[in-house]
């Protein structure tokens, strides 16, 4: 009875604090701006990964794409290759410029 309600309330409070305060702070202060991805592209990739690996592929698709994008952005990929990929993933023709500005801001 009371222990279950207390556990439920504490769990909801923990989720609220982590989801609305901690994660937002981490996203805005630790490079979350590099993780801009277009939702339609993400849904498409979830479907593709689902066709290849089934339900586990659907769950793993977003983290895999996020890691791939992070590797692309942080590696020394030539702009001839990087810029079209960023435009595709972010769905924004100004995506490569935003990454350039983000890098400059992090270094400053």
Protein backbone atom coordinates (compact mmCIF):
# COMPACT_ATOMS: atom_id res chain seq x y z
CA UNK A 1 0.00 0.00 0.00
CA UNK A 2 1.89 3.02 1.32
CA UNK A 3 5.31 1.72 0.28
CA UNK A 4 4.10 1.21 -3.27
CA UNK A 5 2.70 4.74 -3.47
CA UNK A 6 5.90 6.17 -1.98
CA UNK A 7 8.03 4.22 -4.45
CA UNK A 8 5.84 5.36 -7.34
CA UNK A 9 6.00 9.03 -6.27
CA UNK A 10 9.77 8.90 -5.75
CA UNK A 11 10.24 7.23 -9.13
CA UNK A 12 8.12 9.86 -10.87
CA UNK A 13 9.97 12.65 -9.06
CA UNK A 14 13.32 11.17 -10.07
CA UNK A 15 12.20 10.88 -13.71
CA UNK A 16 10.89 14.44 -13.70
CA UNK A 17 14.11 15.88 -12.26
CA UNK A 18 16.42 13.90 -14.54
CA UNK A 19 14.34 14.43 -17.67
CA UNK A 20 13.54 18.10 -17.23
CA UNK A 21 16.57 19.46 -15.41
CA UNK A 22 19.64 17.22 -15.56
CA UNK A 23 19.30 16.00 -19.16
CA UNK A 24 18.40 19.44 -20.46
CA UNK A 25 21.43 20.94 -18.74
CA UNK A 26 23.71 18.22 -20.11
CA UNK A 27 22.25 18.58 -23.60
CA UNK A 28 22.79 22.33 -23.71
CA UNK A 29 26.20 22.41 -22.03
CA UNK A 30 27.96 19.29 -23.28
CA UNK A 31 27.61 19.27 -27.05
CA UNK A 32 23.94 18.49 -27.49
CA UNK A 33 23.85 21.03 -30.29
CA UNK A 34 25.93 18.57 -32.31
CA UNK A 35 23.12 16.04 -32.11
CA UNK A 36 20.65 17.89 -34.31
CA UNK A 37 18.91 15.29 -36.46
CA UNK A 38 15.85 15.59 -38.66
CA UNK A 39 12.91 13.58 -37.27
CA UNK A 40 11.84 12.23 -40.69
CA UNK A 41 15.35 10.92 -41.32
CA UNK A 42 15.37 9.34 -37.88
CA UNK A 43 12.01 7.63 -38.48
CA UNK A 44 13.26 6.36 -41.83
CA UNK A 45 16.41 4.98 -40.21
CA UNK A 46 14.37 3.36 -37.42
CA UNK A 47 12.37 1.55 -40.14
CA UNK A 48 15.51 0.52 -42.04
CA UNK A 49 17.23 -0.77 -38.90
CA UNK A 50 13.98 -2.55 -37.99
CA UNK A 51 13.92 -4.32 -41.35
CA UNK A 52 17.56 -5.36 -40.97
CA UNK A 53 17.72 -6.28 -37.24
CA UNK A 54 14.08 -6.38 -36.14
CA UNK A 55 12.84 -4.74 -32.94
CA UNK A 56 16.31 -4.60 -31.39
CA UNK A 57 17.53 -2.73 -34.46
CA UNK A 58 14.73 -0.22 -34.03
CA UNK A 59 15.81 0.43 -30.44
CA UNK A 60 19.48 0.69 -31.37
CA UNK A 61 19.04 2.83 -34.49
CA UNK A 62 18.98 6.26 -32.82
CA UNK A 63 22.04 5.68 -30.60
CA UNK A 64 23.96 4.19 -33.54
CA UNK A 65 23.16 7.17 -35.78
CA UNK A 66 24.01 9.60 -32.96
CA UNK A 67 27.40 7.94 -32.47
CA UNK A 68 28.01 7.89 -36.23
CA UNK A 69 27.19 11.60 -36.48
CA UNK A 70 29.38 12.41 -33.49
CA UNK A 71 32.26 10.51 -35.10
CA UNK A 72 31.71 12.32 -38.39
CA UNK A 73 31.65 15.71 -36.72
CA UNK A 74 34.64 15.18 -34.46
CA UNK A 75 36.84 13.34 -36.98
CA UNK A 76 38.83 15.04 -39.70
CA UNK A 77 36.37 14.25 -42.48
CA UNK A 78 36.85 16.42 -45.59
CA UNK A 79 34.10 19.00 -46.01
CA UNK A 80 33.35 17.63 -49.48
CA UNK A 81 32.06 14.46 -47.80
CA UNK A 82 30.95 15.85 -44.44
CA UNK A 83 28.74 18.72 -45.57
CA UNK A 84 26.28 16.68 -47.71
CA UNK A 85 25.99 14.08 -44.93
CA UNK A 86 25.24 16.77 -42.34
CA UNK A 87 22.63 18.32 -44.63
CA UNK A 88 21.01 14.89 -45.04
CA UNK A 89 21.08 13.95 -41.35
CA UNK A 90 20.04 17.37 -40.02
CA UNK A 91 17.61 18.22 -42.82
CA UNK A 92 19.02 21.74 -42.86
CA UNK A 93 21.17 23.28 -45.58
CA UNK A 94 22.87 25.40 -42.91
CA UNK A 95 23.82 22.33 -40.84
CA UNK A 96 27.52 22.36 -41.80
CA UNK A 97 27.79 26.05 -40.92
CA UNK A 98 26.09 25.46 -37.56
CA UNK A 99 28.60 22.71 -36.76
CA UNK A 100 31.46 25.06 -37.68
CA UNK A 101 30.03 27.73 -35.35
CA UNK A 102 29.49 25.16 -32.57
CA UNK A 103 33.11 23.99 -32.86
CA UNK A 104 34.39 27.55 -32.65
CA UNK A 105 32.23 28.21 -29.58
CA UNK A 106 33.49 25.07 -27.82
CA UNK A 107 37.15 26.00 -28.50
CA UNK A 108 36.65 29.57 -27.21
